[in-house]
Amino acid sequence: MNERTQNLILGFGGGLAAAVAVPFLLPVVSAAARPLAKVLLKQSLLGLDRLRTAASHASESVEDLWAEVRAEVAAELEARHGTDHDAETTPESPELAARPAAHSTQLS
């Protein structure tokens, strides 16, 4: 027998064995897979929560740093130009600079 024929026989035999074994093994594998899937999903959700918390802390730190830098720049410009400096060269307050400009309409 040549190598191609051997591979064909092995492939056919393996496929036949799998077709016979799957109906018997599927309930066992599926019963074992469900708890494993639940554990994996639970750990994923817990990891996602930890990631969100860490990202929130990091974002807060960056916002604090940004506000500090803007305040220092405003103080330096104030010292350099005095109180009558041009409003366009002065950064906004740190609270306003951290937020995008809101265009809202107020109803009376």
N, C-alpha and C. Protein backbone atom coordinates (compact mmCIF):
# COMPACT_ATOMS: atom_id res chain seq x y z
N MET A 1 0.83 -1.18 0.00
CA MET A 1 0.00 0.00 0.00
C MET A 1 0.88 1.25 0.00
N ASN A 2 0.51 2.20 -0.81
CA ASN A 2 1.30 3.42 -0.82
C ASN A 2 0.81 4.38 0.28
N GLU A 3 1.52 5.45 0.46
CA GLU A 3 1.25 6.39 1.55
C GLU A 3 -0.11 7.07 1.39
N ARG A 4 -0.49 7.36 0.18
CA ARG A 4 -1.77 8.02 -0.07
C ARG A 4 -2.94 7.11 0.33
N THR A 5 -2.85 5.85 0.03
CA THR A 5 -3.90 4.90 0.39
C THR A 5 -3.97 4.75 1.90
N GLN A 6 -2.82 4.70 2.56
CA GLN A 6 -2.81 4.59 4.02
C GLN A 6 -3.46 5.81 4.66
N ASN A 7 -3.13 6.98 4.17
CA ASN A 7 -3.75 8.20 4.69
C ASN A 7 -5.26 8.21 4.47
N LEU A 8 -5.71 7.72 3.32
CA LEU A 8 -7.13 7.64 3.01
C LEU A 8 -7.84 6.70 3.97
N ILE A 9 -7.25 5.54 4.21
CA ILE A 9 -7.85 4.55 5.14
C ILE A 9 -7.88 5.10 6.57
N LEU A 10 -6.77 5.72 6.99
CA LEU A 10 -6.73 6.29 8.34
C LEU A 10 -7.74 7.43 8.49
N GLY A 11 -7.85 8.27 7.49
CA GLY A 11 -8.82 9.37 7.54
C GLY A 11 -10.24 8.86 7.59
N PHE A 12 -10.55 7.86 6.77
CA PHE A 12 -11.89 7.29 6.75
C PHE A 12 -12.20 6.60 8.08
N GLY A 13 -11.23 5.83 8.59
CA GLY A 13 -11.42 5.12 9.87
C GLY A 13 -11.58 6.10 11.02
N GLY A 14 -10.79 7.16 11.03
CA GLY A 14 -10.91 8.17 12.09
C GLY A 14 -12.25 8.88 12.04
N GLY A 15 -12.70 9.22 10.86
CA GLY A 15 -13.99 9.87 10.69
C GLY A 15 -15.13 8.97 11.13
N LEU A 16 -15.06 7.67 10.77
CA LEU A 16 -16.08 6.71 11.17
C LEU A 16 -16.09 6.54 12.69
N ALA A 17 -14.92 6.45 13.30
CA ALA A 17 -14.83 6.31 14.75
C ALA A 17 -15.41 7.55 15.44
N ALA A 18 -15.12 8.71 14.92
CA ALA A 18 -15.64 9.95 15.51
C ALA A 18 -17.16 10.00 15.37
N ALA A 19 -17.68 9.58 14.20
CA ALA A 19 -19.13 9.59 13.98
C ALA A 19 -19.84 8.64 14.94
N VAL A 20 -19.22 7.53 15.26
CA VAL A 20 -19.82 6.58 16.18
C VAL A 20 -19.69 7.07 17.63
N ALA A 21 -18.57 7.69 17.98
CA ALA A 21 -18.29 8.08 19.37
C ALA A 21 -19.00 9.37 19.77
N VAL A 22 -19.26 10.28 18.85
CA VAL A 22 -19.82 11.59 19.19
C VAL A 22 -21.17 11.49 19.91
N PRO A 23 -22.11 10.68 19.46
CA PRO A 23 -23.39 10.62 20.19
C PRO A 23 -23.23 10.16 21.64
N PHE A 24 -22.23 9.34 21.93
CA PHE A 24 -22.02 8.87 23.29
C PHE A 24 -21.21 9.87 24.13
N LEU A 25 -20.28 10.55 23.50
CA LEU A 25 -19.41 11.47 24.22
C LEU A 25 -19.99 12.87 24.38
N LEU A 26 -20.88 13.28 23.49
CA LEU A 26 -21.43 14.63 23.52
C LEU A 26 -22.12 14.97 24.84
N PRO A 27 -22.98 14.12 25.38
CA PRO A 27 -23.60 14.48 26.67
C PRO A 27 -22.58 14.62 27.80
N VAL A 28 -21.55 13.78 27.81
CA VAL A 28 -20.53 13.86 28.85
C VAL A 28 -19.72 15.14 28.70
N VAL A 29 -19.31 15.44 27.50
CA VAL A 29 -18.51 16.64 27.24
C VAL A 29 -19.33 17.89 27.51
N SER A 30 -20.59 17.90 27.10
CA SER A 30 -21.41 19.09 27.30
C SER A 30 -21.71 19.30 28.79
N ALA A 31 -21.90 18.23 29.54
CA ALA A 31 -22.13 18.36 30.98
C ALA A 31 -20.89 18.92 31.68
N ALA A 32 -19.72 18.55 31.23
CA ALA A 32 -18.49 19.05 31.83
C ALA A 32 -18.16 20.46 31.33
N ALA A 33 -18.56 20.79 30.13
CA ALA A 33 -18.21 22.07 29.53
C ALA A 33 -19.03 23.23 30.12
N ARG A 34 -20.26 22.98 30.53
CA ARG A 34 -21.11 24.06 31.06
C ARG A 34 -20.52 24.70 32.32
N PRO A 35 -20.12 23.93 33.34
CA PRO A 35 -19.51 24.57 34.51
C PRO A 35 -18.21 25.30 34.16
N LEU A 36 -17.44 24.73 33.26
CA LEU A 36 -16.21 25.39 32.85
C LEU A 36 -16.51 26.71 32.15
N ALA A 37 -17.52 26.72 31.30
CA ALA A 37 -17.91 27.94 30.60
C ALA A 37 -18.40 29.00 31.60
N LYS A 38 -19.15 28.57 32.62
CA LYS A 38 -19.63 29.51 33.63
C LYS A 38 -18.47 30.13 34.40
N VAL A 39 -17.49 29.31 34.76
CA VAL A 39 -16.32 29.82 35.48
C VAL A 39 -15.56 30.82 34.62
N LEU A 40 -15.37 30.49 33.35
CA LEU A 40 -14.65 31.40 32.45
C LEU A 40 -15.40 32.73 32.28
N LEU A 41 -16.72 32.66 32.12
CA LEU A 41 -17.50 33.88 31.98
C LEU A 41 -17.48 34.71 33.26
N LYS A 42 -17.59 34.05 34.40
CA LYS A 42 -17.56 34.76 35.68
C LYS A 42 -16.22 35.47 35.87
N GLN A 43 -15.12 34.77 35.59
CA GLN A 43 -13.81 35.38 35.73
C GLN A 43 -13.62 36.53 34.74
N SER A 44 -14.19 36.39 33.55
CA SER A 44 -14.10 37.47 32.56
C SER A 44 -14.83 38.71 33.06
N LEU A 45 -16.02 38.53 33.64
CA LEU A 45 -16.77 39.67 34.16
C LEU A 45 -16.04 40.32 35.33
N LEU A 46 -15.47 39.51 36.22
CA LEU A 46 -14.72 40.07 37.34
C LEU A 46 -13.48 40.83 36.85
N GLY A 47 -12.80 40.27 35.85
CA GLY A 47 -11.63 40.94 35.27
C GLY A 47 -12.02 42.25 34.60
N LEU A 48 -13.16 42.25 33.92
CA LEU A 48 -13.64 43.46 33.27
C LEU A 48 -13.96 44.54 34.30
N ASP A 49 -14.54 44.14 35.43
CA ASP A 49 -14.83 45.09 36.49
C ASP A 49 -13.54 45.69 37.06
N ARG A 50 -12.54 44.83 37.27
CA ARG A 50 -11.25 45.35 37.77
C ARG A 50 -10.61 46.29 36.75
N LEU A 51 -10.72 45.96 35.48
CA LEU A 51 -10.17 46.81 34.42
C LEU A 51 -10.88 48.16 34.38
N ARG A 52 -12.21 48.15 34.51
CA ARG A 52 -12.95 49.41 34.52
C ARG A 52 -12.54 50.28 35.71
N THR A 53 -12.37 49.65 36.87
CA THR A 53 -11.97 50.40 38.06
C THR A 53 -10.59 51.01 37.86
N ALA A 54 -9.67 50.22 37.34
CA ALA A 54 -8.31 50.73 37.11
C ALA A 54 -8.32 51.86 36.08
N ALA A 55 -9.12 51.71 35.02
CA ALA A 55 -9.20 52.75 34.00
C ALA A 55 -9.81 54.02 34.57
N SER A 56 -10.78 53.88 35.44
CA SER A 56 -11.40 55.04 36.07
C SER A 56 -10.40 55.79 36.94
N HIS A 57 -9.60 55.04 37.72
CA HIS A 57 -8.59 55.68 38.56
C HIS A 57 -7.53 56.37 37.70
N ALA A 58 -7.13 55.72 36.63
CA ALA A 58 -6.12 56.31 35.74
C ALA A 58 -6.67 57.58 35.10
N SER A 59 -7.90 57.54 34.66
CA SER A 59 -8.52 58.71 34.04
C SER A 59 -8.61 59.87 35.03
N GLU A 60 -8.98 59.56 36.25
CA GLU A 60 -9.07 60.60 37.28
C GLU A 60 -7.70 61.22 37.55
N SER A 61 -6.66 60.39 37.58
CA SER A 61 -5.31 60.90 37.81
C SER A 61 -4.87 61.81 36.68
N VAL A 62 -5.17 61.44 35.45
CA VAL A 62 -4.80 62.26 34.30
C VAL A 62 -5.56 63.58 34.33
N GLU A 63 -6.85 63.52 34.69
CA GLU A 63 -7.63 64.76 34.77
C GLU A 63 -7.08 65.69 35.86
N ASP A 64 -6.69 65.11 36.99
CA ASP A 64 -6.10 65.92 38.06
C ASP A 64 -4.80 66.56 37.60
N LEU A 65 -3.96 65.78 36.93
CA LEU A 65 -2.70 66.29 36.43
C LEU A 65 -2.94 67.41 35.42
N TRP A 66 -3.90 67.21 34.52
CA TRP A 66 -4.24 68.22 33.52
C TRP A 66 -4.68 69.51 34.20
N ALA A 67 -5.51 69.41 35.22
CA ALA A 67 -5.98 70.60 35.93
C ALA A 67 -4.83 71.32 36.63
N GLU A 68 -3.92 70.56 37.23
CA GLU A 68 -2.76 71.17 37.89
C GLU A 68 -1.90 71.93 36.89
N VAL A 69 -1.64 71.32 35.75
CA VAL A 69 -0.79 71.96 34.73
C VAL A 69 -1.46 73.22 34.20
N ARG A 70 -2.76 73.15 33.93
CA ARG A 70 -3.47 74.33 33.42
C ARG A 70 -3.44 75.46 34.46
N ALA A 71 -3.59 75.12 35.74
CA ALA A 71 -3.53 76.14 36.79
C ALA A 71 -2.15 76.76 36.87
N GLU A 72 -1.10 75.95 36.75
CA GLU A 72 0.27 76.48 36.78
C GLU A 72 0.52 77.39 35.59
N VAL A 73 0.05 76.99 34.41
CA VAL A 73 0.23 77.83 33.23
C VAL A 73 -0.52 79.15 33.41
N ALA A 74 -1.73 79.09 33.92
CA ALA A 74 -2.50 80.32 34.15
C ALA A 74 -1.77 81.22 35.14
N ALA A 75 -1.20 80.64 36.19
CA ALA A 75 -0.48 81.43 37.19
C ALA A 75 0.78 82.05 36.58
N GLU A 76 1.49 81.30 35.75
CA GLU A 76 2.69 81.84 35.10
C GLU A 76 2.33 82.98 34.15
N LEU A 77 1.26 82.80 33.38
CA LEU A 77 0.84 83.87 32.47
C LEU A 77 0.37 85.09 33.26
N GLU A 78 -0.30 84.86 34.36
CA GLU A 78 -0.74 85.96 35.21
C GLU A 78 0.47 86.74 35.74
N ALA A 79 1.48 86.00 36.19
CA ALA A 79 2.68 86.66 36.71
C ALA A 79 3.43 87.38 35.60
N ARG A 80 3.47 86.82 34.42
CA ARG A 80 4.21 87.41 33.32
C ARG A 80 3.51 88.65 32.77
N HIS A 81 2.19 88.61 32.63
CA HIS A 81 1.46 89.68 31.97
C HIS A 81 0.72 90.59 32.94
N GLY A 82 0.67 90.25 34.17
CA GLY A 82 -0.08 91.07 35.13
C GLY A 82 -1.57 90.82 35.00
N THR A 83 -2.35 91.69 35.59
CA THR A 83 -3.80 91.49 35.58
C THR A 83 -4.46 91.99 34.32
N ASP A 84 -3.79 92.79 33.50
CA ASP A 84 -4.42 93.33 32.29
C ASP A 84 -4.01 92.58 31.03
N HIS A 85 -3.73 91.29 31.16
CA HIS A 85 -3.32 90.53 29.97
C HIS A 85 -4.53 90.20 29.11
N ASP A 86 -4.25 89.84 27.87
CA ASP A 86 -5.28 89.53 26.89
C ASP A 86 -5.97 88.22 27.27
N ALA A 87 -7.26 88.17 27.25
CA ALA A 87 -8.02 86.98 27.66
C ALA A 87 -7.76 85.79 26.73
N GLU A 88 -7.37 86.07 25.47
CA GLU A 88 -7.15 84.96 24.53
C GLU A 88 -5.89 84.17 24.85
N THR A 89 -4.93 84.77 25.55
CA THR A 89 -3.70 84.05 25.85
C THR A 89 -3.77 83.29 27.17
N THR A 90 -4.82 83.48 27.93
CA THR A 90 -4.96 82.82 29.22
C THR A 90 -5.81 81.57 29.07
N PRO A 91 -5.32 80.47 29.59
CA PRO A 91 -6.15 79.26 29.52
C PRO A 91 -7.39 79.44 30.38
N GLU A 92 -8.42 78.69 30.02
CA GLU A 92 -9.65 78.72 30.81
C GLU A 92 -9.39 78.13 32.18
N SER A 93 -10.38 78.21 33.02
CA SER A 93 -10.24 77.57 34.32
C SER A 93 -10.12 76.07 34.11
N PRO A 94 -9.43 75.36 34.98
CA PRO A 94 -9.26 73.91 34.79
C PRO A 94 -10.58 73.17 34.70
N GLU A 95 -11.60 73.62 35.41
CA GLU A 95 -12.88 72.93 35.35
C GLU A 95 -13.51 73.05 33.98
N LEU A 96 -13.43 74.24 33.40
CA LEU A 96 -14.02 74.44 32.08
C LEU A 96 -13.17 73.83 30.98
N ALA A 97 -11.87 73.83 31.14
CA ALA A 97 -10.99 73.30 30.10
C ALA A 97 -11.12 71.79 29.97
N ALA A 98 -11.48 71.12 31.05
CA ALA A 98 -11.58 69.66 31.00
C ALA A 98 -12.83 69.21 30.28
N ARG A 99 -13.82 70.10 30.12
CA ARG A 99 -15.09 69.73 29.48
C ARG A 99 -15.21 70.41 28.13
N PRO A 100 -15.87 69.72 27.19
CA PRO A 100 -16.13 70.38 25.90
C PRO A 100 -17.17 71.46 26.09
N ALA A 101 -17.13 72.44 25.23
CA ALA A 101 -18.08 73.55 25.33
C ALA A 101 -19.49 73.03 25.10
N ALA A 102 -20.40 73.42 25.96
CA ALA A 102 -21.78 72.96 25.83
C ALA A 102 -22.59 74.06 25.17
N HIS A 103 -23.33 73.67 24.19
CA HIS A 103 -24.22 74.62 23.49
C HIS A 103 -25.63 74.23 23.84
N SER A 104 -26.13 74.73 24.91
CA SER A 104 -27.48 74.39 25.34
C SER A 104 -28.37 75.61 25.27
N THR A 105 -29.61 75.38 25.08
CA THR A 105 -30.59 76.46 25.04
C THR A 105 -31.41 76.37 26.30
N GLN A 106 -31.49 77.47 26.99
CA GLN A 106 -32.30 77.49 28.21
C GLN A 106 -33.67 78.07 27.89
N LEU A 107 -34.68 77.40 28.39
CA LEU A 107 -36.05 77.87 28.18
C LEU A 107 -36.48 78.63 29.42
N SER A 108 -37.16 79.76 29.23
CA SER A 108 -37.60 80.56 30.37
C SER A 108 -39.01 80.16 30.75
